[in-house]
PDB file of all heavy atoms in Angstrom:
ATOM      1  N   ILE A   1      12.131   5.562 -23.427  1.00  0.00           N
ATOM      2  CA  ILE A   1      11.234   6.484 -22.730  1.00  0.00           C
ATOM      3  C   ILE A   1       9.924   5.788 -22.393  1.00  0.00           C
ATOM      4  O   ILE A   1       9.404   5.919 -21.285  1.00  0.00           O
ATOM      5  CB  ILE A   1      11.000   7.753 -23.575  1.00  0.00           C
ATOM      6  CG1 ILE A   1      12.278   8.592 -23.608  1.00  0.00           C
ATOM      7  CG2 ILE A   1       9.826   8.562 -23.057  1.00  0.00           C
ATOM      8  CD1 ILE A   1      12.245   9.730 -24.620  1.00  0.00           C
ATOM      9  N   GLU A   2       9.402   5.031 -23.349  1.00  0.00           N
ATOM     10  CA  GLU A   2       8.149   4.306 -23.114  1.00  0.00           C
ATOM     11  C   GLU A   2       8.312   3.271 -22.011  1.00  0.00           C
ATOM     12  O   GLU A   2       7.467   3.157 -21.125  1.00  0.00           O
ATOM     13  CB  GLU A   2       7.691   3.617 -24.398  1.00  0.00           C
ATOM     14  CG  GLU A   2       6.385   2.868 -24.244  1.00  0.00           C
ATOM     15  CD  GLU A   2       5.955   2.182 -25.519  1.00  0.00           C
ATOM     16  OE1 GLU A   2       6.433   2.559 -26.601  1.00  0.00           O
ATOM     17  OE2 GLU A   2       5.131   1.256 -25.420  1.00  0.00           O
ATOM     18  N   TRP A   3       9.425   2.528 -22.022  1.00  0.00           N
ATOM     19  CA  TRP A   3       9.671   1.535 -20.982  1.00  0.00           C
ATOM     20  C   TRP A   3       9.786   2.176 -19.609  1.00  0.00           C
ATOM     21  O   TRP A   3       9.263   1.663 -18.626  1.00  0.00           O
ATOM     22  CB  TRP A   3      10.942   0.763 -21.285  1.00  0.00           C
ATOM     23  CG  TRP A   3      10.804  -0.273 -22.360  1.00  0.00           C
ATOM     24  CD1 TRP A   3       9.657  -0.701 -22.974  1.00  0.00           C
ATOM     25  CD2 TRP A   3      11.866  -1.019 -22.949  1.00  0.00           C
ATOM     26  NE1 TRP A   3       9.956  -1.653 -23.902  1.00  0.00           N
ATOM     27  CE2 TRP A   3      11.302  -1.881 -23.916  1.00  0.00           C
ATOM     28  CE3 TRP A   3      13.241  -1.035 -22.764  1.00  0.00           C
ATOM     29  CZ2 TRP A   3      12.070  -2.755 -24.672  1.00  0.00           C
ATOM     30  CZ3 TRP A   3      14.005  -1.908 -23.528  1.00  0.00           C
ATOM     31  CH2 TRP A   3      13.415  -2.758 -24.462  1.00  0.00           C
ATOM     32  N   ARG A   4      10.484   3.294 -19.544  1.00  0.00           N
ATOM     33  CA  ARG A   4      10.664   3.982 -18.264  1.00  0.00           C
ATOM     34  C   ARG A   4       9.337   4.488 -17.716  1.00  0.00           C
ATOM     35  O   ARG A   4       9.047   4.345 -16.525  1.00  0.00           O
ATOM     36  CB  ARG A   4      11.639   5.147 -18.454  1.00  0.00           C
ATOM     37  CG  ARG A   4      12.235   5.631 -17.177  1.00  0.00           C
ATOM     38  CD  ARG A   4      13.404   6.516 -17.471  1.00  0.00           C
ATOM     39  NE  ARG A   4      13.174   7.766 -16.782  1.00  0.00           N
ATOM     40  CZ  ARG A   4      13.739   8.905 -17.081  1.00  0.00           C
ATOM     41  NH1 ARG A   4      14.572   8.976 -18.067  1.00  0.00           N
ATOM     42  NH2 ARG A   4      13.483   9.974 -16.396  1.00  0.00           N
ATOM     43  N   GLN A   5       8.519   5.038 -18.612  1.00  0.00           N
ATOM     44  CA  GLN A   5       7.207   5.526 -18.186  1.00  0.00           C
ATOM     45  C   GLN A   5       6.322   4.365 -17.727  1.00  0.00           C
ATOM     46  O   GLN A   5       5.629   4.468 -16.715  1.00  0.00           O
ATOM     47  CB  GLN A   5       6.535   6.277 -19.325  1.00  0.00           C
ATOM     48  CG  GLN A   5       5.179   6.836 -18.949  1.00  0.00           C
ATOM     49  CD  GLN A   5       4.514   7.559 -20.110  1.00  0.00           C
ATOM     50  OE1 GLN A   5       4.845   7.331 -21.261  1.00  0.00           O
ATOM     51  NE2 GLN A   5       3.570   8.411 -19.793  1.00  0.00           N
ATOM     52  N   ARG A   6       6.369   3.257 -18.452  1.00  0.00           N
ATOM     53  CA  ARG A   6       5.567   2.095 -18.092  1.00  0.00           C
ATOM     54  C   ARG A   6       5.963   1.568 -16.716  1.00  0.00           C
ATOM     55  O   ARG A   6       5.106   1.244 -15.889  1.00  0.00           O
ATOM     56  CB  ARG A   6       5.757   1.024 -19.158  1.00  0.00           C
ATOM     57  CG  ARG A   6       4.717  -0.052 -19.136  1.00  0.00           C
ATOM     58  CD  ARG A   6       4.949  -1.053 -20.235  1.00  0.00           C
ATOM     59  NE  ARG A   6       4.654  -0.467 -21.538  1.00  0.00           N
ATOM     60  CZ  ARG A   6       5.084  -0.967 -22.690  1.00  0.00           C
ATOM     61  NH1 ARG A   6       5.831  -2.058 -22.715  1.00  0.00           N
ATOM     62  NH2 ARG A   6       4.775  -0.402 -23.828  1.00  0.00           N
ATOM     63  N   ALA A   7       7.261   1.495 -16.441  1.00  0.00           N
ATOM     64  CA  ALA A   7       7.741   1.025 -15.139  1.00  0.00           C
ATOM     65  C   ALA A   7       7.300   1.964 -14.023  1.00  0.00           C
ATOM     66  O   ALA A   7       6.862   1.521 -12.957  1.00  0.00           O
ATOM     67  CB  ALA A   7       9.260   0.890 -15.158  1.00  0.00           C
ATOM     68  N   ARG A   8       7.407   3.272 -14.279  1.00  0.00           N
ATOM     69  CA  ARG A   8       7.002   4.253 -13.263  1.00  0.00           C
ATOM     70  C   ARG A   8       5.516   4.155 -12.973  1.00  0.00           C
ATOM     71  O   ARG A   8       5.083   4.152 -11.817  1.00  0.00           O
ATOM     72  CB  ARG A   8       7.351   5.664 -13.736  1.00  0.00           C
ATOM     73  CG  ARG A   8       7.018   6.748 -12.706  1.00  0.00           C
ATOM     74  CD  ARG A   8       7.378   8.139 -13.204  1.00  0.00           C
ATOM     75  NE  ARG A   8       6.858   8.448 -14.528  1.00  0.00           N
ATOM     76  CZ  ARG A   8       5.600   8.849 -14.778  1.00  0.00           C
ATOM     77  NH1 ARG A   8       4.744   8.979 -13.792  1.00  0.00           N
ATOM     78  NH2 ARG A   8       5.209   9.135 -16.004  1.00  0.00           N
ATOM     79  N   LEU A   9       4.697   4.051 -14.013  1.00  0.00           N
ATOM     80  CA  LEU A   9       3.251   3.963 -13.822  1.00  0.00           C
ATOM     81  C   LEU A   9       2.857   2.695 -13.080  1.00  0.00           C
ATOM     82  O   LEU A   9       1.931   2.708 -12.260  1.00  0.00           O
ATOM     83  CB  LEU A   9       2.535   4.036 -15.174  1.00  0.00           C
ATOM     84  CG  LEU A   9       2.583   5.382 -15.873  1.00  0.00           C
ATOM     85  CD1 LEU A   9       1.976   5.284 -17.272  1.00  0.00           C
ATOM     86  CD2 LEU A   9       1.858   6.439 -15.061  1.00  0.00           C
ATOM     87  N   ARG A  10       3.571   1.614 -13.341  1.00  0.00           N
ATOM     88  CA  ARG A  10       3.262   0.359 -12.644  1.00  0.00           C
ATOM     89  C   ARG A  10       3.621   0.439 -11.170  1.00  0.00           C
ATOM     90  O   ARG A  10       2.950  -0.161 -10.336  1.00  0.00           O
ATOM     91  CB  ARG A  10       3.962  -0.806 -13.334  1.00  0.00           C
ATOM     92  CG  ARG A  10       3.297  -1.118 -14.658  1.00  0.00           C
ATOM     93  CD  ARG A  10       3.882  -2.291 -15.366  1.00  0.00           C
ATOM     94  NE  ARG A  10       3.115  -2.517 -16.583  1.00  0.00           N
ATOM     95  CZ  ARG A  10       3.542  -3.212 -17.607  1.00  0.00           C
ATOM     96  NH1 ARG A  10       4.722  -3.780 -17.571  1.00  0.00           N
ATOM     97  NH2 ARG A  10       2.788  -3.354 -18.679  1.00  0.00           N
ATOM     98  N   ARG A  11       4.674   1.172 -10.839  1.00  0.00           N
ATOM     99  CA  ARG A  11       4.991   1.373  -9.415  1.00  0.00           C
ATOM    100  C   ARG A  11       3.935   2.258  -8.760  1.00  0.00           C
ATOM    101  O   ARG A  11       3.518   2.020  -7.633  1.00  0.00           O
ATOM    102  CB  ARG A  11       6.365   2.020  -9.267  1.00  0.00           C
ATOM    103  CG  ARG A  11       7.517   1.076  -9.447  1.00  0.00           C
ATOM    104  CD  ARG A  11       8.834   1.703  -9.023  1.00  0.00           C
ATOM    105  NE  ARG A  11       9.097   2.994  -9.637  1.00  0.00           N
ATOM    106  CZ  ARG A  11       9.725   3.182 -10.789  1.00  0.00           C
ATOM    107  NH1 ARG A  11      10.164   2.142 -11.475  1.00  0.00           N
ATOM    108  NH2 ARG A  11       9.927   4.391 -11.276  1.00  0.00           N
ATOM    109  N   GLU A  12       3.498   3.287  -9.477  1.00  0.00           N
ATOM    110  CA  GLU A  12       2.524   4.228  -8.910  1.00  0.00           C
ATOM    111  C   GLU A  12       1.155   3.598  -8.700  1.00  0.00           C
ATOM    112  O   GLU A  12       0.426   3.989  -7.792  1.00  0.00           O
ATOM    113  CB  GLU A  12       2.393   5.450  -9.805  1.00  0.00           C
ATOM    114  CG  GLU A  12       3.578   6.376  -9.751  1.00  0.00           C
ATOM    115  CD  GLU A  12       3.439   7.579 -10.676  1.00  0.00           C
ATOM    116  OE1 GLU A  12       2.375   7.746 -11.296  1.00  0.00           O
ATOM    117  OE2 GLU A  12       4.412   8.343 -10.761  1.00  0.00           O
ATOM    118  N   ILE A  13       0.788   2.639  -9.531  1.00  0.00           N
ATOM    119  CA  ILE A  13      -0.546   2.056  -9.411  1.00  0.00           C
ATOM    120  C   ILE A  13      -0.742   1.360  -8.062  1.00  0.00           C
ATOM    121  O   ILE A  13      -1.845   1.316  -7.533  1.00  0.00           O
ATOM    122  CB  ILE A  13      -0.850   1.097 -10.588  1.00  0.00           C
ATOM    123  CG1 ILE A  13      -2.351   0.856 -10.701  1.00  0.00           C
ATOM    124  CG2 ILE A  13      -0.112  -0.203 -10.463  1.00  0.00           C
ATOM    125  CD1 ILE A  13      -2.760   0.141 -11.956  1.00  0.00           C
ATOM    126  N   MET A  14       0.351   0.849  -7.502  1.00  0.00           N
ATOM    127  CA  MET A  14       0.234   0.183  -6.202  1.00  0.00           C
ATOM    128  C   MET A  14       0.028   1.164  -5.054  1.00  0.00           C
ATOM    129  O   MET A  14      -0.375   0.767  -3.973  1.00  0.00           O
ATOM    130  CB  MET A  14       1.464  -0.687  -5.938  1.00  0.00           C
ATOM    131  CG  MET A  14       1.516  -1.929  -6.801  1.00  0.00           C
ATOM    132  SD  MET A  14       0.020  -2.951  -6.762  1.00  0.00           S
ATOM    133  CE  MET A  14       0.099  -3.620  -5.114  1.00  0.00           C
ATOM    134  N   THR A  15       0.275   2.431  -5.296  1.00  0.00           N
ATOM    135  CA  THR A  15       0.079   3.424  -4.237  1.00  0.00           C
ATOM    136  C   THR A  15      -1.343   3.980  -4.226  1.00  0.00           C
ATOM    137  O   THR A  15      -1.690   4.735  -3.326  1.00  0.00           O
ATOM    138  CB  THR A  15       1.072   4.601  -4.390  1.00  0.00           C
ATOM    139  OG1 THR A  15       0.782   5.290  -5.609  1.00  0.00           O
ATOM    140  CG2 THR A  15       2.510   4.102  -4.407  1.00  0.00           C
ATOM    141  N   LEU A  16      -2.147   3.606  -5.218  1.00  0.00           N
ATOM    142  CA  LEU A  16      -3.518   4.129  -5.296  1.00  0.00           C
ATOM    143  C   LEU A  16      -4.404   3.485  -4.235  1.00  0.00           C
ATOM    144  O   LEU A  16      -4.222   2.324  -3.868  1.00  0.00           O
ATOM    145  CB  LEU A  16      -4.106   3.864  -6.681  1.00  0.00           C
ATOM    146  CG  LEU A  16      -3.426   4.555  -7.850  1.00  0.00           C
ATOM    147  CD1 LEU A  16      -4.045   4.089  -9.162  1.00  0.00           C
ATOM    148  CD2 LEU A  16      -3.522   6.064  -7.728  1.00  0.00           C
ATOM    149  N   SER A  17      -5.371   4.245  -3.782  1.00  0.00           N
ATOM    150  CA  SER A  17      -6.318   3.724  -2.799  1.00  0.00           C
ATOM    151  C   SER A  17      -7.337   2.812  -3.486  1.00  0.00           C
ATOM    152  O   SER A  17      -7.464   2.802  -4.713  1.00  0.00           O
ATOM    153  CB  SER A  17      -7.054   4.883  -2.119  1.00  0.00           C
ATOM    154  OG  SER A  17      -7.922   5.513  -3.055  1.00  0.00           O
ATOM    155  N   GLU A  18      -8.074   2.068  -2.683  1.00  0.00           N
ATOM    156  CA  GLU A  18      -9.117   1.189  -3.222  1.00  0.00           C
ATOM    157  C   GLU A  18     -10.155   2.011  -3.997  1.00  0.00           C
ATOM    158  O   GLU A  18     -10.654   1.576  -5.025  1.00  0.00           O
ATOM    159  CB  GLU A  18      -9.806   0.424  -2.088  1.00  0.00           C
ATOM    160  CG  GLU A  18      -8.906  -0.540  -1.355  1.00  0.00           C
ATOM    161  CD  GLU A  18      -8.402  -1.666  -2.227  1.00  0.00           C
ATOM    162  OE1 GLU A  18      -9.127  -2.118  -3.141  1.00  0.00           O
ATOM    163  OE2 GLU A  18      -7.254  -2.091  -2.021  1.00  0.00           O
ATOM    164  N   ARG A  19     -10.456   3.197  -3.486  1.00  0.00           N
ATOM    165  CA  ARG A  19     -11.437   4.050  -4.163  1.00  0.00           C
ATOM    166  C   ARG A  19     -10.924   4.514  -5.525  1.00  0.00           C
ATOM    167  O   ARG A  19     -11.667   4.523  -6.502  1.00  0.00           O
ATOM    168  CB  ARG A  19     -11.760   5.257  -3.286  1.00  0.00           C
ATOM    169  CG  ARG A  19     -12.807   6.135  -3.904  1.00  0.00           C
ATOM    170  CD  ARG A  19     -13.207   7.255  -2.993  1.00  0.00           C
ATOM    171  NE  ARG A  19     -14.156   8.095  -3.697  1.00  0.00           N
ATOM    172  CZ  ARG A  19     -15.065   8.823  -3.110  1.00  0.00           C
ATOM    173  NH1 ARG A  19     -15.151   8.832  -1.798  1.00  0.00           N
ATOM    174  NH2 ARG A  19     -15.879   9.557  -3.805  1.00  0.00           N
ATOM    175  N   ASP A  20      -9.656   4.916  -5.574  1.00  0.00           N
ATOM    176  CA  ASP A  20      -9.071   5.330  -6.853  1.00  0.00           C
ATOM    177  C   ASP A  20      -9.088   4.184  -7.863  1.00  0.00           C
ATOM    178  O   ASP A  20      -9.418   4.377  -9.030  1.00  0.00           O
ATOM    179  CB  ASP A  20      -7.627   5.807  -6.670  1.00  0.00           C
ATOM    180  CG  ASP A  20      -7.545   7.107  -5.892  1.00  0.00           C
ATOM    181  OD1 ASP A  20      -8.521   7.886  -5.922  1.00  0.00           O
ATOM    182  OD2 ASP A  20      -6.495   7.341  -5.262  1.00  0.00           O
ATOM    183  N   LEU A  21      -8.720   2.997  -7.392  1.00  0.00           N
ATOM    184  CA  LEU A  21      -8.742   1.834  -8.272  1.00  0.00           C
ATOM    185  C   LEU A  21     -10.162   1.544  -8.749  1.00  0.00           C
ATOM    186  O   LEU A  21     -10.392   1.252  -9.921  1.00  0.00           O
ATOM    187  CB  LEU A  21      -8.159   0.607  -7.563  1.00  0.00           C
ATOM    188  CG  LEU A  21      -6.663   0.634  -7.298  1.00  0.00           C
ATOM    189  CD1 LEU A  21      -6.260  -0.531  -6.395  1.00  0.00           C
ATOM    190  CD2 LEU A  21      -5.887   0.593  -8.598  1.00  0.00           C
ATOM    191  N   SER A  22     -11.098   1.632  -7.829  1.00  0.00           N
ATOM    192  CA  SER A  22     -12.500   1.393  -8.171  1.00  0.00           C
ATOM    193  C   SER A  22     -12.994   2.396  -9.203  1.00  0.00           C
ATOM    194  O   SER A  22     -13.728   2.031 -10.129  1.00  0.00           O
ATOM    195  CB  SER A  22     -13.360   1.462  -6.909  1.00  0.00           C
ATOM    196  OG  SER A  22     -14.715   1.308  -7.232  1.00  0.00           O
ATOM    197  N   ASP A  23     -12.594   3.646  -9.065  1.00  0.00           N
ATOM    198  CA  ASP A  23     -12.979   4.681 -10.039  1.00  0.00           C
ATOM    199  C   ASP A  23     -12.447   4.359 -11.429  1.00  0.00           C
ATOM    200  O   ASP A  23     -13.062   4.729 -12.430  1.00  0.00           O
ATOM    201  CB  ASP A  23     -12.455   6.060  -9.606  1.00  0.00           C
ATOM    202  CG  ASP A  23     -13.215   6.629  -8.421  1.00  0.00           C
ATOM    203  OD1 ASP A  23     -14.295   6.099  -8.087  1.00  0.00           O
ATOM    204  OD2 ASP A  23     -12.714   7.601  -7.824  1.00  0.00           O
ATOM    205  N   MET A  24     -11.326   3.672 -11.484  1.00  0.00           N
ATOM    206  CA  MET A  24     -10.734   3.296 -12.768  1.00  0.00           C
ATOM    207  C   MET A  24     -11.249   1.944 -13.250  1.00  0.00           C
ATOM    208  O   MET A  24     -10.859   1.467 -14.310  1.00  0.00           O
ATOM    209  CB  MET A  24      -9.208   3.248 -12.655  1.00  0.00           C
ATOM    210  CG  MET A  24      -8.609   4.596 -12.376  1.00  0.00           C
ATOM    211  SD  MET A  24      -6.796   4.709 -12.312  1.00  0.00           S
ATOM    212  CE  MET A  24      -6.209   3.098 -12.073  1.00  0.00           C
ATOM    213  N   GLY A  25     -12.098   1.293 -12.449  1.00  0.00           N
ATOM    214  CA  GLY A  25     -12.630  -0.008 -12.824  1.00  0.00           C
ATOM    215  C   GLY A  25     -11.661  -1.149 -12.579  1.00  0.00           C
ATOM    216  O   GLY A  25     -11.724  -2.180 -13.244  1.00  0.00           O
ATOM    217  N   LEU A  26     -10.751  -0.961 -11.615  1.00  0.00           N
ATOM    218  CA  LEU A  26      -9.748  -1.977 -11.302  1.00  0.00           C
ATOM    219  C   LEU A  26      -9.903  -2.475  -9.877  1.00  0.00           C
ATOM    220  O   LEU A  26     -10.417  -1.768  -9.016  1.00  0.00           O
ATOM    221  CB  LEU A  26      -8.338  -1.400 -11.459  1.00  0.00           C
ATOM    222  CG  LEU A  26      -7.930  -0.914 -12.841  1.00  0.00           C
ATOM    223  CD1 LEU A  26      -6.585  -0.212 -12.782  1.00  0.00           C
ATOM    224  CD2 LEU A  26      -7.885  -2.063 -13.826  1.00  0.00           C
ATOM    225  N   THR A  27      -9.447  -3.685  -9.641  1.00  0.00           N
ATOM    226  CA  THR A  27      -9.381  -4.215  -8.289  1.00  0.00           C
ATOM    227  C   THR A  27      -7.917  -4.196  -7.848  1.00  0.00           C
ATOM    228  O   THR A  27      -7.013  -3.966  -8.653  1.00  0.00           O
ATOM    229  CB  THR A  27      -9.891  -5.669  -8.243  1.00  0.00           C
ATOM    230  OG1 THR A  27      -9.024  -6.488  -9.026  1.00  0.00           O
ATOM    231  CG2 THR A  27     -11.318  -5.772  -8.775  1.00  0.00           C
ATOM    232  N   ARG A  28      -7.686  -4.483  -6.585  1.00  0.00           N
ATOM    233  CA  ARG A  28      -6.312  -4.549  -6.081  1.00  0.00           C
ATOM    234  C   ARG A  28      -5.560  -5.683  -6.791  1.00  0.00           C
ATOM    235  O   ARG A  28      -4.384  -5.557  -7.105  1.00  0.00           O
ATOM    236  CB  ARG A  28      -6.336  -4.778  -4.557  1.00  0.00           C
ATOM    237  CG  ARG A  28      -5.008  -4.845  -3.887  1.00  0.00           C
ATOM    238  CD  ARG A  28      -4.141  -3.641  -4.025  1.00  0.00           C
ATOM    239  NE  ARG A  28      -4.747  -2.437  -3.494  1.00  0.00           N
ATOM    240  CZ  ARG A  28      -4.283  -1.209  -3.687  1.00  0.00           C
ATOM    241  NH1 ARG A  28      -3.178  -1.030  -4.383  1.00  0.00           N
ATOM    242  NH2 ARG A  28      -4.894  -0.167  -3.212  1.00  0.00           N
ATOM    243  N   LEU A  29      -6.274  -6.773  -7.102  1.00  0.00           N
ATOM    244  CA  LEU A  29      -5.646  -7.880  -7.823  1.00  0.00           C
ATOM    245  C   LEU A  29      -5.244  -7.456  -9.234  1.00  0.00           C
ATOM    246  O   LEU A  29      -4.164  -7.813  -9.709  1.00  0.00           O
ATOM    247  CB  LEU A  29      -6.592  -9.087  -7.878  1.00  0.00           C
ATOM    248  CG  LEU A  29      -6.054 -10.334  -8.571  1.00  0.00           C
ATOM    249  CD1 LEU A  29      -4.782 -10.836  -7.886  1.00  0.00           C
ATOM    250  CD2 LEU A  29      -7.105 -11.418  -8.607  1.00  0.00           C
ATOM    251  N   ASP A  30      -6.104  -6.674  -9.905  1.00  0.00           N
ATOM    252  CA  ASP A  30      -5.744  -6.149 -11.226  1.00  0.00           C
ATOM    253  C   ASP A  30      -4.477  -5.301 -11.142  1.00  0.00           C
ATOM    254  O   ASP A  30      -3.594  -5.399 -11.990  1.00  0.00           O
ATOM    255  CB  ASP A  30      -6.874  -5.292 -11.810  1.00  0.00           C
ATOM    256  CG  ASP A  30      -8.138  -6.074 -12.103  1.00  0.00           C
ATOM    257  OD1 ASP A  30      -8.040  -7.283 -12.395  1.00  0.00           O
ATOM    258  OD2 ASP A  30      -9.225  -5.452 -12.038  1.00  0.00           O
ATOM    259  N   ALA A  31      -4.413  -4.464 -10.130  1.00  0.00           N
ATOM    260  CA  ALA A  31      -3.249  -3.600  -9.948  1.00  0.00           C
ATOM    261  C   ALA A  31      -1.999  -4.438  -9.690  1.00  0.00           C
ATOM    262  O   ALA A  31      -0.935  -4.181 -10.254  1.00  0.00           O
ATOM    263  CB  ALA A  31      -3.483  -2.635  -8.794  1.00  0.00           C
ATOM    264  N   PHE A  32      -2.136  -5.457  -8.861  1.00  0.00           N
ATOM    265  CA  PHE A  32      -1.001  -6.326  -8.566  1.00  0.00           C
ATOM    266  C   PHE A  32      -0.530  -7.050  -9.824  1.00  0.00           C
ATOM    267  O   PHE A  32       0.668  -7.128 -10.094  1.00  0.00           O
ATOM    268  CB  PHE A  32      -1.375  -7.338  -7.481  1.00  0.00           C
ATOM    269  CG  PHE A  32      -0.275  -8.300  -7.165  1.00  0.00           C
ATOM    270  CD1 PHE A  32       0.817  -7.902  -6.411  1.00  0.00           C
ATOM    271  CD2 PHE A  32      -0.324  -9.600  -7.641  1.00  0.00           C
ATOM    272  CE1 PHE A  32       1.845  -8.785  -6.132  1.00  0.00           C
ATOM    273  CE2 PHE A  32       0.699 -10.488  -7.370  1.00  0.00           C
ATOM    274  CZ  PHE A  32       1.787 -10.092  -6.610  1.00  0.00           C
ATOM    275  N   ASN A  33      -1.477  -7.587 -10.586  1.00  0.00           N
ATOM    276  CA  ASN A  33      -1.118  -8.287 -11.826  1.00  0.00           C
ATOM    277  C   ASN A  33      -0.418  -7.357 -12.813  1.00  0.00           C
ATOM    278  O   ASN A  33       0.507  -7.763 -13.514  1.00  0.00           O
ATOM    279  CB  ASN A  33      -2.350  -8.912 -12.470  1.00  0.00           C
ATOM    280  CG  ASN A  33      -2.860 -10.109 -11.698  1.00  0.00           C
ATOM    281  OD1 ASN A  33      -2.121 -10.756 -10.973  1.00  0.00           O
ATOM    282  ND2 ASN A  33      -4.139 -10.393 -11.841  1.00  0.00           N
ATOM    283  N   GLU A  34      -0.848  -6.114 -12.867  1.00  0.00           N
ATOM    284  CA  GLU A  34      -0.211  -5.141 -13.764  1.00  0.00           C
ATOM    285  C   GLU A  34       1.215  -4.855 -13.322  1.00  0.00           C
ATOM    286  O   GLU A  34       2.118  -4.748 -14.143  1.00  0.00           O
ATOM    287  CB  GLU A  34      -1.034  -3.857 -13.800  1.00  0.00           C
ATOM    288  CG  GLU A  34      -0.547  -2.838 -14.783  1.00  0.00           C
ATOM    289  CD  GLU A  34      -0.652  -3.273 -16.238  1.00  0.00           C
ATOM    290  OE1 GLU A  34      -1.504  -4.091 -16.583  1.00  0.00           O
ATOM    291  OE2 GLU A  34       0.165  -2.773 -17.041  1.00  0.00           O
ATOM    292  N   THR A  35       1.440  -4.736 -12.042  1.00  0.00           N
ATOM    293  CA  THR A  35       2.784  -4.419 -11.555  1.00  0.00           C
ATOM    294  C   THR A  35       3.732  -5.606 -11.668  1.00  0.00           C
ATOM    295  O   THR A  35       4.950  -5.415 -11.660  1.00  0.00           O
ATOM    296  CB  THR A  35       2.754  -3.927 -10.090  1.00  0.00           C
ATOM    297  OG1 THR A  35       2.173  -4.941  -9.269  1.00  0.00           O
ATOM    298  CG2 THR A  35       1.982  -2.644  -9.964  1.00  0.00           C
ATOM    299  N   CYS A  36       3.206  -6.804 -11.798  1.00  0.00           N
ATOM    300  CA  CYS A  36       4.056  -7.986 -11.951  1.00  0.00           C
ATOM    301  C   CYS A  36       4.580  -8.146 -13.374  1.00  0.00           C
ATOM    302  O   CYS A  36       5.520  -8.912 -13.599  1.00  0.00           O
ATOM    303  CB  CYS A  36       3.291  -9.242 -11.545  1.00  0.00           C
ATOM    304  SG  CYS A  36       3.016  -9.354  -9.774  1.00  0.00           S
ATOM    305  N   LYS A  37       4.005  -7.423 -14.303  1.00  0.00           N
ATOM    306  CA  LYS A  37       4.466  -7.514 -15.696  1.00  0.00           C
ATOM    307  C   LYS A  37       5.833  -6.846 -15.833  1.00  0.00           C
ATOM    308  O   LYS A  37       6.101  -5.840 -15.192  1.00  0.00           O
ATOM    309  CB  LYS A  37       3.515  -6.768 -16.637  1.00  0.00           C
ATOM    310  CG  LYS A  37       2.184  -7.424 -16.837  1.00  0.00           C
ATOM    311  CD  LYS A  37       1.397  -6.576 -17.840  1.00  0.00           C
ATOM    312  CE  LYS A  37      -0.001  -7.023 -18.024  1.00  0.00           C
ATOM    313  NZ  LYS A  37      -0.723  -6.127 -18.956  1.00  0.00           N
ATOM    314  N   PRO A  38       6.680  -7.400 -16.685  1.00  0.00           N
ATOM    315  CA  PRO A  38       7.958  -6.733 -16.936  1.00  0.00           C
ATOM    316  C   PRO A  38       7.728  -5.409 -17.709  1.00  0.00           C
ATOM    317  O   PRO A  38       6.728  -5.279 -18.415  1.00  0.00           O
ATOM    318  CB  PRO A  38       8.745  -7.721 -17.805  1.00  0.00           C
ATOM    319  CG  PRO A  38       7.795  -8.783 -18.196  1.00  0.00           C
ATOM    320  CD  PRO A  38       6.563  -8.664 -17.382  1.00  0.00           C
TER     321      PRO A  38
END
């Protein structure tokens, strides 16, 4: 369940806008690096 949720959240993070990422203190590169993790 944890793995499935982690995979889903990593896919969703790439759909966030720059403003949403900025509100979370992330850059697009941070989001990309997170989604590249297994």
